[in-house]
PDB file of N, CA and C in Angstrom:
ATOM      1  N   MET A   1     -23.516  10.281  -3.273  1.00  0.00           N
ATOM      2  CA  MET A   1     -23.106   9.610  -2.607  1.00  0.00           C
ATOM      3  C   MET A   1     -23.576   8.234  -2.283  1.00  0.00           C
ATOM      4  N   ASN A   2     -22.834   7.050  -1.881  1.00  0.00           N
ATOM      5  CA  ASN A   2     -23.588   6.111  -1.002  1.00  0.00           C
ATOM      6  C   ASN A   2     -23.001   4.940  -0.711  1.00  0.00           C
ATOM      7  N   TYR A   3     -22.921   4.247  -0.549  1.00  0.00           N
ATOM      8  CA  TYR A   3     -21.978   2.385  -0.030  1.00  0.00           C
ATOM      9  C   TYR A   3     -22.205   1.436  -0.903  1.00  0.00           C
ATOM     10  N   ILE A   4     -20.765   1.010  -1.014  1.00  0.00           N
ATOM     11  CA  ILE A   4     -21.022  -0.417  -2.211  1.00  0.00           C
ATOM     12  C   ILE A   4     -20.999  -1.376  -1.068  1.00  0.00           C
ATOM     13  N   PHE A   5     -21.952  -1.956  -1.530  1.00  0.00           N
ATOM     14  CA  PHE A   5     -21.810  -3.225  -0.251  1.00  0.00           C
ATOM     15  C   PHE A   5     -21.229  -4.274  -1.690  1.00  0.00           C
ATOM     16  N   GLY A   6     -21.375  -4.302  -2.785  1.00  0.00           N
ATOM     17  CA  GLY A   6     -20.745  -5.837  -3.554  1.00  0.00           C
ATOM     18  C   GLY A   6     -20.782  -5.214  -5.165  1.00  0.00           C
ATOM     19  N   VAL A   7     -20.929  -6.622  -5.618  1.00  0.00           N
ATOM     20  CA  VAL A   7     -21.165  -6.489  -7.108  1.00  0.00           C
ATOM     21  C   VAL A   7     -21.699  -7.755  -7.843  1.00  0.00           C
ATOM     22  N   LYS A   8     -23.122  -7.732  -8.677  1.00  0.00           N
ATOM     23  CA  LYS A   8     -23.579  -8.681  -9.058  1.00  0.00           C
ATOM     24  C   LYS A   8     -23.464  -8.963 -10.473  1.00  0.00           C
ATOM     25  N   PHE A   9     -23.429 -10.257 -11.596  1.00  0.00           N
ATOM     26  CA  PHE A   9     -23.266 -10.398 -12.711  1.00  0.00           C
ATOM     27  C   PHE A   9     -25.067 -10.985 -12.623  1.00  0.00           C
ATOM     28  N   GLY A  10     -25.851 -10.431 -13.428  1.00  0.00           N
ATOM     29  CA  GLY A  10     -27.425 -11.250 -14.339  1.00  0.00           C
ATOM     30  C   GLY A  10     -27.756 -10.854 -13.360  1.00  0.00           C
ATOM     31  N   TYR A  11     -29.222 -11.616 -13.394  1.00  0.00           N
ATOM     32  CA  TYR A  11     -30.475 -10.694 -12.377  1.00  0.00           C
ATOM     33  C   TYR A  11     -31.270 -11.965 -11.786  1.00  0.00           C
ATOM     34  N   LEU A  12     -30.291 -13.291 -11.898  1.00  0.00           N
ATOM     35  CA  LEU A  12     -30.855 -14.558 -11.216  1.00  0.00           C
ATOM     36  C   LEU A  12     -30.685 -14.050  -9.644  1.00  0.00           C
ATOM     37  N   GLN A  13     -31.204 -14.955  -8.757  1.00  0.00           N
ATOM     38  CA  GLN A  13     -31.115 -15.089  -7.221  1.00  0.00           C
ATOM     39  C   GLN A  13     -30.259 -15.330  -6.902  1.00  0.00           C
ATOM     40  N   ASN A  14     -29.456 -16.292  -7.724  1.00  0.00           N
ATOM     41  CA  ASN A  14     -28.220 -16.888  -7.013  1.00  0.00           C
ATOM     42  C   ASN A  14     -26.836 -16.541  -6.850  1.00  0.00           C
ATOM     43  N   THR A  15     -26.359 -16.689  -6.230  1.00  0.00           N
ATOM     44  CA  THR A  15     -25.146 -15.923  -5.019  1.00  0.00           C
ATOM     45  C   THR A  15     -23.770 -16.300  -5.662  1.00  0.00           C
ATOM     46  N   GLU A  16     -23.537 -17.288  -6.600  1.00  0.00           N
ATOM     47  CA  GLU A  16     -22.629 -18.179  -7.495  1.00  0.00           C
ATOM     48  C   GLU A  16     -22.194 -15.919  -8.381  1.00  0.00           C
ATOM     49  N   ASP A  17     -23.232 -15.495  -8.996  1.00  0.00           N
ATOM     50  CA  ASP A  17     -22.229 -14.261  -9.418  1.00  0.00           C
ATOM     51  C   ASP A  17     -21.828 -13.379  -8.897  1.00  0.00           C
ATOM     52  N   SER A  18     -22.151 -13.304  -7.901  1.00  0.00           N
ATOM     53  CA  SER A  18     -21.812 -12.286  -6.950  1.00  0.00           C
ATOM     54  C   SER A  18     -20.783 -12.001  -6.287  1.00  0.00           C
ATOM     55  N   HIS A  19     -20.138 -10.912  -5.446  1.00  0.00           N
ATOM     56  CA  HIS A  19     -18.942 -10.778  -4.863  1.00  0.00           C
ATOM     57  C   HIS A  19     -19.260  -9.722  -3.546  1.00  0.00           C
ATOM     58  N   LEU A  20     -19.830 -10.120  -2.465  1.00  0.00           N
ATOM     59  CA  LEU A  20     -19.583  -9.336  -1.461  1.00  0.00           C
ATOM     60  C   LEU A  20     -18.190  -8.264  -1.415  1.00  0.00           C
ATOM     61  N   LEU A  21     -18.223  -7.268  -0.169  1.00  0.00           N
ATOM     62  CA  LEU A  21     -17.801  -6.492  -0.285  1.00  0.00           C
ATOM     63  C   LEU A  21     -17.035  -6.030   0.844  1.00  0.00           C
ATOM     64  N   THR A  22     -16.443  -4.815   1.428  1.00  0.00           N
ATOM     65  CA  THR A  22     -16.668  -4.992   2.737  1.00  0.00           C
ATOM     66  C   THR A  22     -17.292  -3.013   2.433  1.00  0.00           C
ATOM     67  N   PRO A  23     -18.127  -2.672   3.096  1.00  0.00           N
ATOM     68  CA  PRO A  23     -18.946  -1.517   2.484  1.00  0.00           C
ATOM     69  C   PRO A  23     -17.957  -0.609   2.995  1.00  0.00           C
ATOM     70  N   PHE A  24     -17.902   0.496   1.283  1.00  0.00           N
ATOM     71  CA  PHE A  24     -17.102   1.475   1.606  1.00  0.00           C
ATOM     72  C   PHE A  24     -17.824   2.313   0.390  1.00  0.00           C
ATOM     73  N   LYS A  25     -17.787   4.059   0.827  1.00  0.00           N
ATOM     74  CA  LYS A  25     -18.539   5.033   0.201  1.00  0.00           C
ATOM     75  C   LYS A  25     -17.884   5.333  -0.997  1.00  0.00           C
ATOM     76  N   ALA A  26     -18.852   5.445  -2.086  1.00  0.00           N
ATOM     77  CA  ALA A  26     -18.695   5.588  -3.169  1.00  0.00           C
ATOM     78  C   ALA A  26     -19.669   6.522  -4.085  1.00  0.00           C
ATOM     79  N   ILE A  27     -19.317   7.246  -4.728  1.00  0.00           N
ATOM     80  CA  ILE A  27     -19.725   7.827  -6.183  1.00  0.00           C
ATOM     81  C   ILE A  27     -20.122   7.255  -6.954  1.00  0.00           C
ATOM     82  N   THR A  28     -21.456   6.672  -7.452  1.00  0.00           N
ATOM     83  CA  THR A  28     -22.189   6.350  -8.764  1.00  0.00           C
ATOM     84  C   THR A  28     -22.429   7.086  -9.951  1.00  0.00           C
ATOM     85  N   ASP A  29     -22.024   6.869 -10.977  1.00  0.00           N
ATOM     86  CA  ASP A  29     -22.575   7.436 -12.259  1.00  0.00           C
ATOM     87  C   ASP A  29     -23.120   6.467 -12.797  1.00  0.00           C
ATOM     88  N   THR A  30     -24.559   5.809 -13.500  1.00  0.00           N
ATOM     89  CA  THR A  30     -24.782   4.583 -14.140  1.00  0.00           C
ATOM     90  C   THR A  30     -25.334   5.506 -15.519  1.00  0.00           C
ATOM     91  N   GLY A  31     -24.757   6.452 -15.607  1.00  0.00           N
ATOM     92  CA  GLY A  31     -24.867   6.549 -16.959  1.00  0.00           C
ATOM     93  C   GLY A  31     -23.099   6.618 -17.972  1.00  0.00           C
ATOM     94  N   SER A  32     -22.264   6.658 -16.919  1.00  0.00           N
ATOM     95  CA  SER A  32     -20.985   6.549 -17.265  1.00  0.00           C
ATOM     96  C   SER A  32     -20.466   5.421 -17.692  1.00  0.00           C
ATOM     97  N   THR A  33     -19.650   5.022 -18.451  1.00  0.00           N
ATOM     98  CA  THR A  33     -19.080   4.006 -19.044  1.00  0.00           C
ATOM     99  C   THR A  33     -17.707   4.089 -18.700  1.00  0.00           C
ATOM    100  N   CYS A  34     -17.456   4.730 -17.740  1.00  0.00           N
ATOM    101  CA  CYS A  34     -15.444   5.001 -17.213  1.00  0.00           C
ATOM    102  C   CYS A  34     -16.514   4.372 -15.589  1.00  0.00           C
ATOM    103  N   SER A  35     -15.478   3.839 -15.168  1.00  0.00           N
ATOM    104  CA  SER A  35     -15.913   3.314 -13.346  1.00  0.00           C
ATOM    105  C   SER A  35     -14.430   3.541 -12.768  1.00  0.00           C
ATOM    106  N   TYR A  36     -14.671   3.841 -11.211  1.00  0.00           N
ATOM    107  CA  TYR A  36     -12.816   3.629 -10.629  1.00  0.00           C
ATOM    108  C   TYR A  36     -13.874   2.286  -9.588  1.00  0.00           C
ATOM    109  N   ILE A  37     -12.822   1.321  -9.893  1.00  0.00           N
ATOM    110  CA  ILE A  37     -12.624  -0.015  -9.165  1.00  0.00           C
ATOM    111  C   ILE A  37     -11.386   0.190  -7.813  1.00  0.00           C
ATOM    112  N   PRO A  38     -11.960   0.189  -6.597  1.00  0.00           N
ATOM    113  CA  PRO A  38     -10.404   0.076  -5.701  1.00  0.00           C
ATOM    114  C   PRO A  38      -9.696  -1.333  -6.237  1.00  0.00           C
ATOM    115  N   PRO A  39      -8.525  -0.769  -6.260  1.00  0.00           N
ATOM    116  CA  PRO A  39      -7.502  -2.299  -6.406  1.00  0.00           C
ATOM    117  C   PRO A  39      -7.790  -3.329  -5.877  1.00  0.00           C
ATOM    118  N   LEU A  40      -8.035  -3.309  -5.061  1.00  0.00           N
ATOM    119  CA  LEU A  40      -8.650  -4.150  -3.954  1.00  0.00           C
ATOM    120  C   LEU A  40      -9.501  -5.328  -4.739  1.00  0.00           C
ATOM    121  N   HIS A  41     -10.710  -5.182  -5.367  1.00  0.00           N
ATOM    122  CA  HIS A  41     -11.714  -5.463  -6.011  1.00  0.00           C
ATOM    123  C   HIS A  41     -11.277  -5.861  -7.879  1.00  0.00           C
ATOM    124  N   TYR A  42     -10.507  -5.478  -8.300  1.00  0.00           N
ATOM    125  CA  TYR A  42     -10.416  -4.949  -9.702  1.00  0.00           C
ATOM    126  C   TYR A  42     -10.103  -6.754  -9.938  1.00  0.00           C
ATOM    127  N   THR A  43      -9.181  -7.203  -9.308  1.00  0.00           N
ATOM    128  CA  THR A  43      -9.071  -8.839  -9.784  1.00  0.00           C
ATOM    129  C   THR A  43      -9.984  -9.290 -10.162  1.00  0.00           C
ATOM    130  N   TRP A  44     -10.566  -9.766  -9.500  1.00  0.00           N
ATOM    131  CA  TRP A  44     -11.937 -10.468  -9.159  1.00  0.00           C
ATOM    132  C   TRP A  44     -12.805  -9.742 -10.456  1.00  0.00           C
ATOM    133  N   LEU A  45     -13.339  -8.935 -10.285  1.00  0.00           N
ATOM    134  CA  LEU A  45     -14.076  -8.583 -11.518  1.00  0.00           C
ATOM    135  C   LEU A  45     -13.589  -8.534 -12.856  1.00  0.00           C
ATOM    136  N   MET A  46     -12.334  -8.113 -12.937  1.00  0.00           N
ATOM    137  CA  MET A  46     -12.201  -8.634 -14.460  1.00  0.00           C
ATOM    138  C   MET A  46     -11.822  -9.549 -14.961  1.00  0.00           C
ATOM    139  N   ARG A  47     -11.674 -10.896 -13.653  1.00  0.00           N
ATOM    140  CA  ARG A  47     -11.455 -11.807 -14.034  1.00  0.00           C
ATOM    141  C   ARG A  47     -13.375 -13.032 -14.373  1.00  0.00           C
ATOM    142  N   GLU A  48     -14.216 -12.016 -13.564  1.00  0.00           N
ATOM    143  CA  GLU A  48     -15.595 -12.213 -13.887  1.00  0.00           C
ATOM    144  C   GLU A  48     -16.026 -11.656 -15.271  1.00  0.00           C
ATOM    145  N   VAL A  49     -15.736 -10.367 -15.312  1.00  0.00           N
ATOM    146  CA  VAL A  49     -15.769 -10.376 -17.271  1.00  0.00           C
ATOM    147  C   VAL A  49     -15.465 -10.805 -18.358  1.00  0.00           C
ATOM    148  N   MET A  50     -14.729 -11.103 -17.876  1.00  0.00           N
ATOM    149  CA  MET A  50     -13.258 -11.759 -18.949  1.00  0.00           C
ATOM    150  C   MET A  50     -13.248 -12.981 -19.209  1.00  0.00           C
ATOM    151  N   LYS A  51     -14.263 -13.565 -18.597  1.00  0.00           N
ATOM    152  CA  LYS A  51     -14.193 -15.140 -17.841  1.00  0.00           C
ATOM    153  C   LYS A  51     -14.049 -16.299 -19.544  1.00  0.00           C
ATOM    154  N   ASP A  52     -15.126 -15.401 -20.356  1.00  0.00           N
ATOM    155  CA  ASP A  52     -15.677 -16.252 -21.595  1.00  0.00           C
ATOM    156  C   ASP A  52     -15.013 -15.807 -22.766  1.00  0.00           C
ATOM    157  N   ILE A  53     -13.926 -14.498 -22.493  1.00  0.00           N
ATOM    158  CA  ILE A  53     -13.591 -14.373 -23.933  1.00  0.00           C
ATOM    159  C   ILE A  53     -12.412 -14.838 -23.522  1.00  0.00           C
ATOM    160  N   THR A  54     -12.064 -15.238 -25.296  1.00  0.00           N
ATOM    161  CA  THR A  54     -10.532 -16.274 -25.721  1.00  0.00           C
ATOM    162  C   THR A  54      -9.753 -15.206 -25.855  1.00  0.00           C
ATOM    163  N   THR A  55      -9.576 -14.079 -25.926  1.00  0.00           N
ATOM    164  CA  THR A  55      -8.696 -13.721 -27.241  1.00  0.00           C
ATOM    165  C   THR A  55      -9.298 -12.139 -27.125  1.00  0.00           C
ATOM    166  N   SER A  56      -7.860 -11.429 -26.430  1.00  0.00           N
ATOM    167  CA  SER A  56      -8.051  -9.640 -25.443  1.00  0.00           C
ATOM    168  C   SER A  56      -6.438  -9.762 -26.413  1.00  0.00           C
ATOM    169  N   VAL A  57      -6.330  -8.611 -26.493  1.00  0.00           N
ATOM    170  CA  VAL A  57      -5.090  -7.684 -26.434  1.00  0.00           C
ATOM    171  C   VAL A  57      -4.931  -6.221 -25.705  1.00  0.00           C
ATOM    172  N   ASN A  58      -4.171  -6.534 -24.523  1.00  0.00           N
ATOM    173  CA  ASN A  58      -3.967  -5.359 -23.609  1.00  0.00           C
ATOM    174  C   ASN A  58      -3.087  -4.217 -24.317  1.00  0.00           C
ATOM    175  N   ASP A  59      -3.662  -3.265 -24.550  1.00  0.00           N
ATOM    176  CA  ASP A  59      -2.992  -2.194 -25.354  1.00  0.00           C
ATOM    177  C   ASP A  59      -2.510  -1.203 -24.123  1.00  0.00           C
ATOM    178  N   GLU A  60      -1.644   0.166 -24.330  1.00  0.00           N
ATOM    179  CA  GLU A  60      -1.179   0.596 -23.262  1.00  0.00           C
ATOM    180  C   GLU A  60      -2.142   1.994 -22.908  1.00  0.00           C
ATOM    181  N   GLU A  61      -2.836   2.367 -24.299  1.00  0.00           N
ATOM    182  CA  GLU A  61      -3.122   3.623 -24.198  1.00  0.00           C
ATOM    183  C   GLU A  61      -4.654   3.513 -24.041  1.00  0.00           C
ATOM    184  N   TRP A  62      -5.211   2.455 -24.665  1.00  0.00           N
ATOM    185  CA  TRP A  62      -6.376   1.995 -24.493  1.00  0.00           C
ATOM    186  C   TRP A  62      -7.035   0.819 -23.369  1.00  0.00           C
ATOM    187  N   GLY A  63      -6.807   0.082 -22.855  1.00  0.00           N
ATOM    188  CA  GLY A  63      -7.003  -1.002 -21.817  1.00  0.00           C
ATOM    189  C   GLY A  63      -6.885  -1.422 -22.820  1.00  0.00           C
ATOM    190  N   ILE A  64      -8.117  -2.564 -22.261  1.00  0.00           N
ATOM    191  CA  ILE A  64      -8.470  -4.080 -23.048  1.00  0.00           C
ATOM    192  C   ILE A  64      -9.499  -3.949 -24.539  1.00  0.00           C
ATOM    193  N   LYS A  65      -8.706  -4.347 -25.531  1.00  0.00           N
ATOM    194  CA  LYS A  65      -9.078  -4.198 -26.741  1.00  0.00           C
ATOM    195  C   LYS A  65     -10.063  -5.631 -27.162  1.00  0.00           C
ATOM    196  N   LEU A  66     -11.167  -5.801 -27.227  1.00  0.00           N
ATOM    197  CA  LEU A  66     -11.539  -6.882 -28.194  1.00  0.00           C
ATOM    198  C   LEU A  66     -12.314  -6.748 -29.484  1.00  0.00           C
ATOM    199  N   ALA A  67     -12.495  -8.441 -30.047  1.00  0.00           N
ATOM    200  CA  ALA A  67     -13.136  -8.143 -31.397  1.00  0.00           C
ATOM    201  C   ALA A  67     -14.327  -7.939 -31.094  1.00  0.00           C
ATOM    202  N   CYS A  68     -15.330  -7.771 -31.917  1.00  0.00           N
ATOM    203  CA  CYS A  68     -16.536  -7.253 -31.344  1.00  0.00           C
ATOM    204  C   CYS A  68     -16.896  -8.266 -31.655  1.00  0.00           C
ATOM    205  N   THR A  69     -16.893  -9.680 -32.042  1.00  0.00           N
ATOM    206  CA  THR A  69     -16.904 -10.953 -31.591  1.00  0.00           C
ATOM    207  C   THR A  69     -17.003 -11.302 -30.308  1.00  0.00           C
ATOM    208  N   GLU A  70     -16.054 -10.999 -29.599  1.00  0.00           N
ATOM    209  CA  GLU A  70     -16.270 -11.413 -28.039  1.00  0.00           C
ATOM    210  C   GLU A  70     -17.133 -10.257 -27.217  1.00  0.00           C
ATOM    211  N   VAL A  71     -17.116  -8.893 -27.667  1.00  0.00           N
ATOM    212  CA  VAL A  71     -18.294  -8.442 -26.851  1.00  0.00           C
ATOM    213  C   VAL A  71     -19.323  -9.441 -26.155  1.00  0.00           C
ATOM    214  N   LYS A  72     -19.564  -9.719 -26.984  1.00  0.00           N
ATOM    215  CA  LYS A  72     -21.227 -10.499 -27.042  1.00  0.00           C
ATOM    216  C   LYS A  72     -20.736 -11.571 -25.667  1.00  0.00           C
ATOM    217  N   LYS A  73     -20.203 -12.171 -25.416  1.00  0.00           N
ATOM    218  CA  LYS A  73     -19.631 -13.096 -24.426  1.00  0.00           C
ATOM    219  C   LYS A  73     -19.538 -12.519 -23.196  1.00  0.00           C
ATOM    220  N   MET A  74     -19.806 -11.266 -23.228  1.00  0.00           N
ATOM    221  CA  MET A  74     -19.090 -10.210 -21.941  1.00  0.00           C
ATOM    222  C   MET A  74     -20.615 -10.613 -21.239  1.00  0.00           C
TER     223      MET A  74
END
């Protein structure tokens, strides 16, 4: 159990690729490909992850599907 304070993409010291959150308790598993994201932050996070993707398909069973060539853009 820990507190989540924000999300950051990349490794540089800029703040353009970060999003500060109101801290909340969370359980994190860095070895998991599945994550729970509170609905309050989901829209922002998905917009950032998908901002360079030009083609995707929403699948009711599997979620967002991408061509292998698109994954490199994430």
